[in-house]
Amino acid sequence: MKTCPHCHSTQSQVKAGHNPSGSQRYLCNNCDRTYTPTPNHRGYPVDVRYQAIELYQEGHSFRAVARELGVGTQSVINWVRTKEIMQKHKKTNDTQNGGNHG
């Protein structure tokens, strides 16, 4: 039996459609709120994202990487940009933290 994560009631839990990733939603008639007990994750697996970044860093174009992995070109662009931003942020933090210990 489903338990509402908001009011912890096990009574009157009814199906209430699906969320955008396809997970079953439930409505608690006790507190009148909806919840998803075990949500599905959206997006591509992490290993596909890492593989895309590696292929791009090896010199493949965004479009070539997308075709190779069967994903959207914009997804590859987003993953590469996110990695670049994270690296710049980490480099900035490392520089700032290194300067504070001297």
PDB file of N, CA and C in Angstrom:
ATOM      1  N   MET A   1       0.846  -1.185   0.000  1.00  0.00           N
ATOM      2  CA  MET A   1       0.000   0.000   0.000  1.00  0.00           C
ATOM      3  C   MET A   1       0.889   1.244   0.000  1.00  0.00           C
ATOM      4  N   LYS A   2       0.491   2.264  -0.720  1.00  0.00           N
ATOM      5  CA  LYS A   2       1.248   3.514  -0.822  1.00  0.00           C
ATOM      6  C   LYS A   2       1.045   4.360   0.427  1.00  0.00           C
ATOM      7  N   THR A   3       2.100   5.076   0.802  1.00  0.00           N
ATOM      8  CA  THR A   3       2.049   5.988   1.943  1.00  0.00           C
ATOM      9  C   THR A   3       2.352   7.388   1.452  1.00  0.00           C
ATOM     10  N   CYS A   4       1.509   8.338   1.817  1.00  0.00           N
ATOM     11  CA  CYS A   4       1.715   9.727   1.424  1.00  0.00           C
ATOM     12  C   CYS A   4       2.958  10.270   2.127  1.00  0.00           C
ATOM     13  N   PRO A   5       3.920  10.840   1.375  1.00  0.00           N
ATOM     14  CA  PRO A   5       5.118  11.389   2.013  1.00  0.00           C
ATOM     15  C   PRO A   5       4.857  12.693   2.763  1.00  0.00           C
ATOM     16  N   HIS A   6       3.692  13.297   2.537  1.00  0.00           N
ATOM     17  CA  HIS A   6       3.367  14.575   3.170  1.00  0.00           C
ATOM     18  C   HIS A   6       2.683  14.386   4.528  1.00  0.00           C
ATOM     19  N   CYS A   7       1.617  13.554   4.559  1.00  0.00           N
ATOM     20  CA  CYS A   7       0.864  13.366   5.811  1.00  0.00           C
ATOM     21  C   CYS A   7       1.026  11.957   6.383  1.00  0.00           C
ATOM     22  N   HIS A   8       1.735  11.079   5.663  1.00  0.00           N
ATOM     23  CA  HIS A   8       2.022   9.706   6.076  1.00  0.00           C
ATOM     24  C   HIS A   8       0.781   8.823   6.191  1.00  0.00           C
ATOM     25  N   SER A   9      -0.284   9.217   5.538  1.00  0.00           N
ATOM     26  CA  SER A   9      -1.503   8.416   5.533  1.00  0.00           C
ATOM     27  C   SER A   9      -1.358   7.260   4.546  1.00  0.00           C
ATOM     28  N   THR A  10      -1.933   6.127   4.895  1.00  0.00           N
ATOM     29  CA  THR A  10      -1.977   5.000   3.966  1.00  0.00           C
ATOM     30  C   THR A  10      -3.392   4.796   3.442  1.00  0.00           C
ATOM     31  N   GLN A  11      -4.306   5.628   3.879  1.00  0.00           N
ATOM     32  CA  GLN A  11      -5.700   5.542   3.456  1.00  0.00           C
ATOM     33  C   GLN A  11      -5.937   6.428   2.236  1.00  0.00           C
ATOM     34  N   SER A  12      -6.819   6.021   1.368  1.00  0.00           N
ATOM     35  CA  SER A  12      -7.308   6.844   0.260  1.00  0.00           C
ATOM     36  C   SER A  12      -6.222   7.361  -0.677  1.00  0.00           C
ATOM     37  N   GLN A  13      -5.313   6.498  -1.066  1.00  0.00           N
ATOM     38  CA  GLN A  13      -4.302   6.852  -2.059  1.00  0.00           C
ATOM     39  C   GLN A  13      -4.818   6.382  -3.416  1.00  0.00           C
ATOM     40  N   VAL A  14      -5.030   7.314  -4.340  1.00  0.00           N
ATOM     41  CA  VAL A  14      -5.580   6.956  -5.649  1.00  0.00           C
ATOM     42  C   VAL A  14      -4.640   7.411  -6.765  1.00  0.00           C
ATOM     43  N   LYS A  15      -4.649   6.674  -7.858  1.00  0.00           N
ATOM     44  CA  LYS A  15      -3.825   7.039  -9.007  1.00  0.00           C
ATOM     45  C   LYS A  15      -4.301   8.372  -9.562  1.00  0.00           C
ATOM     46  N   ALA A  16      -3.336   9.199  -9.975  1.00  0.00           N
ATOM     47  CA  ALA A  16      -3.674  10.542 -10.464  1.00  0.00           C
ATOM     48  C   ALA A  16      -2.853  10.892 -11.701  1.00  0.00           C
ATOM     49  N   GLY A  17      -2.789   9.987 -12.660  1.00  0.00           N
ATOM     50  CA  GLY A  17      -2.071  10.266 -13.900  1.00  0.00           C
ATOM     51  C   GLY A  17      -0.587   9.966 -13.790  1.00  0.00           C
ATOM     52  N   HIS A  18       0.158  10.548 -14.721  1.00  0.00           N
ATOM     53  CA  HIS A  18       1.604  10.340 -14.789  1.00  0.00           C
ATOM     54  C   HIS A  18       2.312  11.679 -14.893  1.00  0.00           C
ATOM     55  N   ASN A  19       3.549  11.725 -14.429  1.00  0.00           N
ATOM     56  CA  ASN A  19       4.345  12.943 -14.570  1.00  0.00           C
ATOM     57  C   ASN A  19       5.022  12.936 -15.947  1.00  0.00           C
ATOM     58  N   PRO A  20       5.734  14.005 -16.331  1.00  0.00           N
ATOM     59  CA  PRO A  20       6.327  14.077 -17.669  1.00  0.00           C
ATOM     60  C   PRO A  20       7.294  12.943 -18.019  1.00  0.00           C
ATOM     61  N   SER A  21       7.928  12.327 -17.027  1.00  0.00           N
ATOM     62  CA  SER A  21       8.852  11.230 -17.328  1.00  0.00           C
ATOM     63  C   SER A  21       8.149   9.877 -17.363  1.00  0.00           C
ATOM     64  N   GLY A  22       6.841   9.861 -17.131  1.00  0.00           N
ATOM     65  CA  GLY A  22       6.074   8.629 -17.236  1.00  0.00           C
ATOM     66  C   GLY A  22       5.823   7.911 -15.927  1.00  0.00           C
ATOM     67  N   SER A  23       6.278   8.446 -14.821  1.00  0.00           N
ATOM     68  CA  SER A  23       6.060   7.816 -13.516  1.00  0.00           C
ATOM     69  C   SER A  23       4.617   8.010 -13.063  1.00  0.00           C
ATOM     70  N   GLN A  24       4.092   7.007 -12.385  1.00  0.00           N
ATOM     71  CA  GLN A  24       2.733   7.081 -11.859  1.00  0.00           C
ATOM     72  C   GLN A  24       2.650   8.117 -10.744  1.00  0.00           C
ATOM     73  N   ARG A  25       1.658   9.006 -10.818  1.00  0.00           N
ATOM     74  CA  ARG A  25       1.395   9.985  -9.759  1.00  0.00           C
ATOM     75  C   ARG A  25       0.248   9.453  -8.910  1.00  0.00           C
ATOM     76  N   TYR A  26       0.237   9.824  -7.649  1.00  0.00           N
ATOM     77  CA  TYR A  26      -0.840   9.443  -6.738  1.00  0.00           C
ATOM     78  C   TYR A  26      -1.382  10.681  -6.051  1.00  0.00           C
ATOM     79  N   LEU A  27      -2.665  10.635  -5.724  1.00  0.00           N
ATOM     80  CA  LEU A  27      -3.326  11.704  -4.980  1.00  0.00           C
ATOM     81  C   LEU A  27      -3.701  11.150  -3.614  1.00  0.00           C
ATOM     82  N   CYS A  28      -3.338  11.878  -2.579  1.00  0.00           N
ATOM     83  CA  CYS A  28      -3.728  11.512  -1.219  1.00  0.00           C
ATOM     84  C   CYS A  28      -5.020  12.258  -0.918  1.00  0.00           C
ATOM     85  N   ASN A  29      -6.086  11.525  -0.712  1.00  0.00           N
ATOM     86  CA  ASN A  29      -7.363  12.169  -0.403  1.00  0.00           C
ATOM     87  C   ASN A  29      -7.413  12.684   1.032  1.00  0.00           C
ATOM     88  N   ASN A  30      -6.443  12.318   1.846  1.00  0.00           N
ATOM     89  CA  ASN A  30      -6.384  12.806   3.215  1.00  0.00           C
ATOM     90  C   ASN A  30      -5.880  14.254   3.260  1.00  0.00           C
ATOM     91  N   CYS A  31      -4.762  14.546   2.551  1.00  0.00           N
ATOM     92  CA  CYS A  31      -4.199  15.904   2.562  1.00  0.00           C
ATOM     93  C   CYS A  31      -4.368  16.620   1.219  1.00  0.00           C
ATOM     94  N   ASP A  32      -4.942  15.921   0.234  1.00  0.00           N
ATOM     95  CA  ASP A  32      -5.248  16.495  -1.082  1.00  0.00           C
ATOM     96  C   ASP A  32      -3.995  16.936  -1.845  1.00  0.00           C
ATOM     97  N   ARG A  33      -2.888  16.220  -1.655  1.00  0.00           N
ATOM     98  CA  ARG A  33      -1.655  16.523  -2.376  1.00  0.00           C
ATOM     99  C   ARG A  33      -1.266  15.329  -3.237  1.00  0.00           C
ATOM    100  N   THR A  34      -0.499  15.601  -4.288  1.00  0.00           N
ATOM    101  CA  THR A  34      -0.040  14.521  -5.150  1.00  0.00           C
ATOM    102  C   THR A  34       1.436  14.237  -4.887  1.00  0.00           C
ATOM    103  N   TYR A  35       1.860  13.022  -5.261  1.00  0.00           N
ATOM    104  CA  TYR A  35       3.251  12.625  -5.087  1.00  0.00           C
ATOM    105  C   TYR A  35       3.580  11.495  -6.050  1.00  0.00           C
ATOM    106  N   THR A  36       4.859  11.277  -6.256  1.00  0.00           N
ATOM    107  CA  THR A  36       5.359  10.179  -7.080  1.00  0.00           C
ATOM    108  C   THR A  36       6.252   9.320  -6.192  1.00  0.00           C
ATOM    109  N   PRO A  37       5.837   8.090  -5.869  1.00  0.00           N
ATOM    110  CA  PRO A  37       6.622   7.269  -4.947  1.00  0.00           C
ATOM    111  C   PRO A  37       7.998   6.865  -5.488  1.00  0.00           C
ATOM    112  N   THR A  38       8.092   6.465  -6.741  1.00  0.00           N
ATOM    113  CA  THR A  38       9.374   6.068  -7.334  1.00  0.00           C
ATOM    114  C   THR A  38       9.498   6.724  -8.704  1.00  0.00           C
ATOM    115  N   PRO A  39      10.025   7.953  -8.750  1.00  0.00           N
ATOM    116  CA  PRO A  39      10.089   8.671 -10.021  1.00  0.00           C
ATOM    117  C   PRO A  39      11.102   8.071 -10.993  1.00  0.00           C
ATOM    118  N   ASN A  40      10.747   8.103 -12.286  1.00  0.00           N
ATOM    119  CA  ASN A  40      11.692   7.737 -13.344  1.00  0.00           C
ATOM    120  C   ASN A  40      12.577   8.943 -13.603  1.00  0.00           C
ATOM    121  N   HIS A  41      13.816   8.693 -13.931  1.00  0.00           N
ATOM    122  CA  HIS A  41      14.726   9.794 -14.228  1.00  0.00           C
ATOM    123  C   HIS A  41      14.648  10.127 -15.711  1.00  0.00           C
ATOM    124  N   ARG A  42      14.693  11.413 -15.995  1.00  0.00           N
ATOM    125  CA  ARG A  42      14.631  11.872 -17.374  1.00  0.00           C
ATOM    126  C   ARG A  42      16.038  12.035 -17.919  1.00  0.00           C
ATOM    127  N   GLY A  43      16.124  12.054 -19.222  1.00  0.00           N
ATOM    128  CA  GLY A  43      17.403  12.335 -19.852  1.00  0.00           C
ATOM    129  C   GLY A  43      18.184  11.086 -20.215  1.00  0.00           C
ATOM    130  N   TYR A  44      19.370  11.329 -20.744  1.00  0.00           N
ATOM    131  CA  TYR A  44      20.243  10.252 -21.182  1.00  0.00           C
ATOM    132  C   TYR A  44      21.087   9.746 -20.018  1.00  0.00           C
ATOM    133  N   PRO A  45      21.510   8.476 -20.089  1.00  0.00           N
ATOM    134  CA  PRO A  45      22.370   7.939 -19.033  1.00  0.00           C
ATOM    135  C   PRO A  45      23.689   8.711 -18.945  1.00  0.00           C
ATOM    136  N   VAL A  46      24.272   8.720 -17.775  1.00  0.00           N
ATOM    137  CA  VAL A  46      25.508   9.459 -17.528  1.00  0.00           C
ATOM    138  C   VAL A  46      26.634   8.962 -18.432  1.00  0.00           C
ATOM    139  N   ASP A  47      26.707   7.649 -18.676  1.00  0.00           N
ATOM    140  CA  ASP A  47      27.793   7.133 -19.513  1.00  0.00           C
ATOM    141  C   ASP A  47      27.705   7.656 -20.941  1.00  0.00           C
ATOM    142  N   VAL A  48      26.495   7.886 -21.446  1.00  0.00           N
ATOM    143  CA  VAL A  48      26.330   8.459 -22.785  1.00  0.00           C
ATOM    144  C   VAL A  48      26.839   9.896 -22.792  1.00  0.00           C
ATOM    145  N   ARG A  49      26.555  10.635 -21.741  1.00  0.00           N
ATOM    146  CA  ARG A  49      27.021  12.025 -21.642  1.00  0.00           C
ATOM    147  C   ARG A  49      28.545  12.087 -21.618  1.00  0.00           C
ATOM    148  N   TYR A  50      29.168  11.230 -20.811  1.00  0.00           N
ATOM    149  CA  TYR A  50      30.636  11.210 -20.743  1.00  0.00           C
ATOM    150  C   TYR A  50      31.247  10.802 -22.078  1.00  0.00           C
ATOM    151  N   GLN A  51      30.636   9.822 -22.731  1.00  0.00           N
ATOM    152  CA  GLN A  51      31.140   9.382 -24.028  1.00  0.00           C
ATOM    153  C   GLN A  51      31.056  10.514 -25.049  1.00  0.00           C
ATOM    154  N   ALA A  52      29.982  11.278 -25.007  1.00  0.00           N
ATOM    155  CA  ALA A  52      29.821  12.413 -25.918  1.00  0.00           C
ATOM    156  C   ALA A  52      30.914  13.447 -25.683  1.00  0.00           C
ATOM    157  N   ILE A  53      31.188  13.743 -24.431  1.00  0.00           N
ATOM    158  CA  ILE A  53      32.226  14.730 -24.100  1.00  0.00           C
ATOM    159  C   ILE A  53      33.593  14.235 -24.569  1.00  0.00           C
ATOM    160  N   GLU A  54      33.878  12.949 -24.352  1.00  0.00           N
ATOM    161  CA  GLU A  54      35.156  12.389 -24.787  1.00  0.00           C
ATOM    162  C   GLU A  54      35.311  12.465 -26.299  1.00  0.00           C
ATOM    163  N   LEU A  55      34.263  12.100 -27.040  1.00  0.00           N
ATOM    164  CA  LEU A  55      34.326  12.155 -28.501  1.00  0.00           C
ATOM    165  C   LEU A  55      34.550  13.581 -28.985  1.00  0.00           C
ATOM    166  N   TYR A  56      33.874  14.530 -28.356  1.00  0.00           N
ATOM    167  CA  TYR A  56      34.051  15.931 -28.742  1.00  0.00           C
ATOM    168  C   TYR A  56      35.486  16.374 -28.462  1.00  0.00           C
ATOM    169  N   GLN A  57      36.022  15.999 -27.318  1.00  0.00           N
ATOM    170  CA  GLN A  57      37.389  16.383 -26.961  1.00  0.00           C
ATOM    171  C   GLN A  57      38.429  15.717 -27.864  1.00  0.00           C
ATOM    172  N   GLU A  58      38.056  14.592 -28.492  1.00  0.00           N
ATOM    173  CA  GLU A  58      38.948  13.924 -29.441  1.00  0.00           C
ATOM    174  C   GLU A  58      38.929  14.603 -30.808  1.00  0.00           C
ATOM    175  N   GLY A  59      38.069  15.609 -30.976  1.00  0.00           N
ATOM    176  CA  GLY A  59      38.061  16.362 -32.221  1.00  0.00           C
ATOM    177  C   GLY A  59      36.845  16.160 -33.103  1.00  0.00           C
ATOM    178  N   HIS A  60      35.899  15.351 -32.680  1.00  0.00           N
ATOM    179  CA  HIS A  60      34.679  15.150 -33.462  1.00  0.00           C
ATOM    180  C   HIS A  60      33.782  16.378 -33.322  1.00  0.00           C
ATOM    181  N   SER A  61      33.004  16.666 -34.357  1.00  0.00           N
ATOM    182  CA  SER A  61      32.076  17.799 -34.295  1.00  0.00           C
ATOM    183  C   SER A  61      30.873  17.434 -33.433  1.00  0.00           C
ATOM    184  N   PHE A  62      30.126  18.461 -33.034  1.00  0.00           N
ATOM    185  CA  PHE A  62      28.907  18.216 -32.256  1.00  0.00           C
ATOM    186  C   PHE A  62      27.961  17.293 -33.020  1.00  0.00           C
ATOM    187  N   ARG A  63      27.789  17.573 -34.310  1.00  0.00           N
ATOM    188  CA  ARG A  63      26.862  16.771 -35.118  1.00  0.00           C
ATOM    189  C   ARG A  63      27.343  15.337 -35.267  1.00  0.00           C
ATOM    190  N   ALA A  64      28.651  15.155 -35.453  1.00  0.00           N
ATOM    191  CA  ALA A  64      29.201  13.803 -35.594  1.00  0.00           C
ATOM    192  C   ALA A  64      29.001  13.000 -34.306  1.00  0.00           C
ATOM    193  N   VAL A  65      29.224  13.643 -33.182  1.00  0.00           N
ATOM    194  CA  VAL A  65      29.026  12.976 -31.886  1.00  0.00           C
ATOM    195  C   VAL A  65      27.559  12.588 -31.726  1.00  0.00           C
ATOM    196  N   ALA A  66      26.667  13.516 -32.054  1.00  0.00           N
ATOM    197  CA  ALA A  66      25.231  13.255 -31.925  1.00  0.00           C
ATOM    198  C   ALA A  66      24.807  12.082 -32.800  1.00  0.00           C
ATOM    199  N   ARG A  67      25.289  12.056 -34.040  1.00  0.00           N
ATOM    200  CA  ARG A  67      24.948  10.947 -34.948  1.00  0.00           C
ATOM    201  C   ARG A  67      25.488   9.628 -34.413  1.00  0.00           C
ATOM    202  N   GLU A  68      26.723   9.643 -33.952  1.00  0.00           N
ATOM    203  CA  GLU A  68      27.374   8.429 -33.449  1.00  0.00           C
ATOM    204  C   GLU A  68      26.610   7.822 -32.270  1.00  0.00           C
ATOM    205  N   LEU A  69      26.133   8.677 -31.376  1.00  0.00           N
ATOM    206  CA  LEU A  69      25.485   8.193 -30.149  1.00  0.00           C
ATOM    207  C   LEU A  69      23.962   8.139 -30.241  1.00  0.00           C
ATOM    208  N   GLY A  70      23.405   8.678 -31.318  1.00  0.00           N
ATOM    209  CA  GLY A  70      21.950   8.662 -31.474  1.00  0.00           C
ATOM    210  C   GLY A  70      21.242   9.615 -30.529  1.00  0.00           C
ATOM    211  N   VAL A  71      21.870  10.762 -30.280  1.00  0.00           N
ATOM    212  CA  VAL A  71      21.274  11.778 -29.407  1.00  0.00           C
ATOM    213  C   VAL A  71      21.145  13.074 -30.194  1.00  0.00           C
ATOM    214  N   GLY A  72      20.495  14.057 -29.615  1.00  0.00           N
ATOM    215  CA  GLY A  72      20.329  15.345 -30.269  1.00  0.00           C
ATOM    216  C   GLY A  72      21.612  16.164 -30.235  1.00  0.00           C
ATOM    217  N   THR A  73      21.825  16.932 -31.300  1.00  0.00           N
ATOM    218  CA  THR A  73      23.011  17.790 -31.366  1.00  0.00           C
ATOM    219  C   THR A  73      23.023  18.790 -30.218  1.00  0.00           C
ATOM    220  N   GLN A  74      21.869  19.385 -29.922  1.00  0.00           N
ATOM    221  CA  GLN A  74      21.807  20.371 -28.846  1.00  0.00           C
ATOM    222  C   GLN A  74      22.151  19.745 -27.498  1.00  0.00           C
ATOM    223  N   SER A  75      21.793  18.487 -27.303  1.00  0.00           N
ATOM    224  CA  SER A  75      22.153  17.801 -26.054  1.00  0.00           C
ATOM    225  C   SER A  75      23.669  17.726 -25.910  1.00  0.00           C
ATOM    226  N   VAL A  76      24.357  17.367 -26.991  1.00  0.00           N
ATOM    227  CA  VAL A  76      25.819  17.281 -26.951  1.00  0.00           C
ATOM    228  C   VAL A  76      26.409  18.650 -26.628  1.00  0.00           C
ATOM    229  N   ILE A  77      25.905  19.692 -27.288  1.00  0.00           N
ATOM    230  CA  ILE A  77      26.380  21.056 -27.035  1.00  0.00           C
ATOM    231  C   ILE A  77      26.194  21.412 -25.560  1.00  0.00           C
ATOM    232  N   ASN A  78      25.023  21.120 -25.021  1.00  0.00           N
ATOM    233  CA  ASN A  78      24.736  21.432 -23.611  1.00  0.00           C
ATOM    234  C   ASN A  78      25.685  20.700 -22.671  1.00  0.00           C
ATOM    235  N   TRP A  79      25.949  19.420 -22.936  1.00  0.00           N
ATOM    236  CA  TRP A  79      26.826  18.640 -22.065  1.00  0.00           C
ATOM    237  C   TRP A  79      28.244  19.185 -22.090  1.00  0.00           C
ATOM    238  N   VAL A  80      28.736  19.511 -23.281  1.00  0.00           N
ATOM    239  CA  VAL A  80      30.100  20.036 -23.405  1.00  0.00           C
ATOM    240  C   VAL A  80      30.205  21.393 -22.717  1.00  0.00           C
ATOM    241  N   ARG A  81      29.226  22.260 -22.946  1.00  0.00           N
ATOM    242  CA  ARG A  81      29.248  23.582 -22.304  1.00  0.00           C
ATOM    243  C   ARG A  81      29.195  23.461 -20.786  1.00  0.00           C
ATOM    244  N   THR A  82      28.358  22.579 -20.285  1.00  0.00           N
ATOM    245  CA  THR A  82      28.247  22.379 -18.839  1.00  0.00           C
ATOM    246  C   THR A  82      29.579  21.916 -18.268  1.00  0.00           C
ATOM    247  N   LYS A  83      30.239  20.987 -18.944  1.00  0.00           N
ATOM    248  CA  LYS A  83      31.545  20.503 -18.470  1.00  0.00           C
ATOM    249  C   LYS A  83      32.559  21.636 -18.475  1.00  0.00           C
ATOM    250  N   GLU A  84      32.565  22.458 -19.534  1.00  0.00           N
ATOM    251  CA  GLU A  84      33.513  23.573 -19.615  1.00  0.00           C
ATOM    252  C   GLU A  84      33.269  24.585 -18.495  1.00  0.00           C
ATOM    253  N   ILE A  85      32.009  24.883 -18.229  1.00  0.00           N
ATOM    254  CA  ILE A  85      31.670  25.829 -17.158  1.00  0.00           C
ATOM    255  C   ILE A  85      32.113  25.272 -15.808  1.00  0.00           C
ATOM    256  N   MET A  86      31.872  23.974 -15.588  1.00  0.00           N
ATOM    257  CA  MET A  86      32.262  23.358 -14.321  1.00  0.00           C
ATOM    258  C   MET A  86      33.779  23.376 -14.152  1.00  0.00           C
ATOM    259  N   GLN A  87      34.515  23.137 -15.241  1.00  0.00           N
ATOM    260  CA  GLN A  87      35.976  23.156 -15.155  1.00  0.00           C
ATOM    261  C   GLN A  87      36.486  24.556 -14.837  1.00  0.00           C
ATOM    262  N   LYS A  88      35.899  25.583 -15.481  1.00  0.00           N
ATOM    263  CA  LYS A  88      36.308  26.964 -15.218  1.00  0.00           C
ATOM    264  C   LYS A  88      36.007  27.339 -13.771  1.00  0.00           C
ATOM    265  N   HIS A  89      34.838  26.930 -13.291  1.00  0.00           N
ATOM    266  CA  HIS A  89      34.439  27.223 -11.912  1.00  0.00           C
ATOM    267  C   HIS A  89      35.393  26.540 -10.931  1.00  0.00           C
ATOM    268  N   LYS A  90      35.726  25.283 -11.202  1.00  0.00           N
ATOM    269  CA  LYS A  90      36.640  24.543 -10.330  1.00  0.00           C
ATOM    270  C   LYS A  90      38.017  25.196 -10.337  1.00  0.00           C
ATOM    271  N   LYS A  91      38.487  25.598 -11.521  1.00  0.00           N
ATOM    272  CA  LYS A  91      39.798  26.238 -11.635  1.00  0.00           C
ATOM    273  C   LYS A  91      39.824  27.545 -10.841  1.00  0.00           C
ATOM    274  N   THR A  92      38.740  28.326 -10.939  1.00  0.00           N
ATOM    275  CA  THR A  92      38.639  29.583 -10.196  1.00  0.00           C
ATOM    276  C   THR A  92      38.651  29.317  -8.696  1.00  0.00           C
ATOM    277  N   ASN A  93      37.886  28.328  -8.251  1.00  0.00           N
ATOM    278  CA  ASN A  93      37.843  27.987  -6.821  1.00  0.00           C
ATOM    279  C   ASN A  93      39.192  27.480  -6.329  1.00  0.00           C
ATOM    280  N   ASP A  94      39.863  26.652  -7.138  1.00  0.00           N
ATOM    281  CA  ASP A  94      41.172  26.129  -6.747  1.00  0.00           C
ATOM    282  C   ASP A  94      42.180  27.265  -6.604  1.00  0.00           C
ATOM    283  N   THR A  95      42.128  28.229  -7.528  1.00  0.00           N
ATOM    284  CA  THR A  95      43.042  29.373  -7.489  1.00  0.00           C
ATOM    285  C   THR A  95      42.775  30.218  -6.250  1.00  0.00           C
ATOM    286  N   GLN A  96      41.497  30.484  -5.977  1.00  0.00           N
ATOM    287  CA  GLN A  96      41.133  31.292  -4.808  1.00  0.00           C
ATOM    288  C   GLN A  96      41.502  30.584  -3.513  1.00  0.00           C
ATOM    289  N   ASN A  97      41.222  29.310  -3.429  1.00  0.00           N
ATOM    290  CA  ASN A  97      41.532  28.553  -2.210  1.00  0.00           C
ATOM    291  C   ASN A  97      43.032  28.403  -2.014  1.00  0.00           C
ATOM    292  N   GLY A  98      43.773  28.244  -3.098  1.00  0.00           N
ATOM    293  CA  GLY A  98      45.222  28.128  -3.007  1.00  0.00           C
ATOM    294  C   GLY A  98      45.857  29.420  -2.538  1.00  0.00           C
ATOM    295  N   GLY A  99      45.276  30.557  -2.931  1.00  0.00           N
ATOM    296  CA  GLY A  99      45.799  31.854  -2.524  1.00  0.00           C
ATOM    297  C   GLY A  99      45.542  32.150  -1.061  1.00  0.00           C
ATOM    298  N   ASN A 100      44.527  31.549  -0.480  1.00  0.00           N
ATOM    299  CA  ASN A 100      44.185  31.812   0.918  1.00  0.00           C
ATOM    300  C   ASN A 100      45.085  31.062   1.892  1.00  0.00           C
ATOM    301  N   HIS A 101      45.766  30.033   1.410  1.00  0.00           N
ATOM    302  CA  HIS A 101      46.576  29.214   2.310  1.00  0.00           C
ATOM    303  C   HIS A 101      48.038  29.642   2.325  1.00  0.00           C
ATOM    304  N   GLY A 102      48.404  30.713   1.606  1.00  0.00           N
ATOM    305  CA  GLY A 102      49.798  31.097   1.484  1.00  0.00           C
ATOM    306  C   GLY A 102      50.241  32.022   2.484  1.00  0.00           C
TER     307      GLY A 102
END
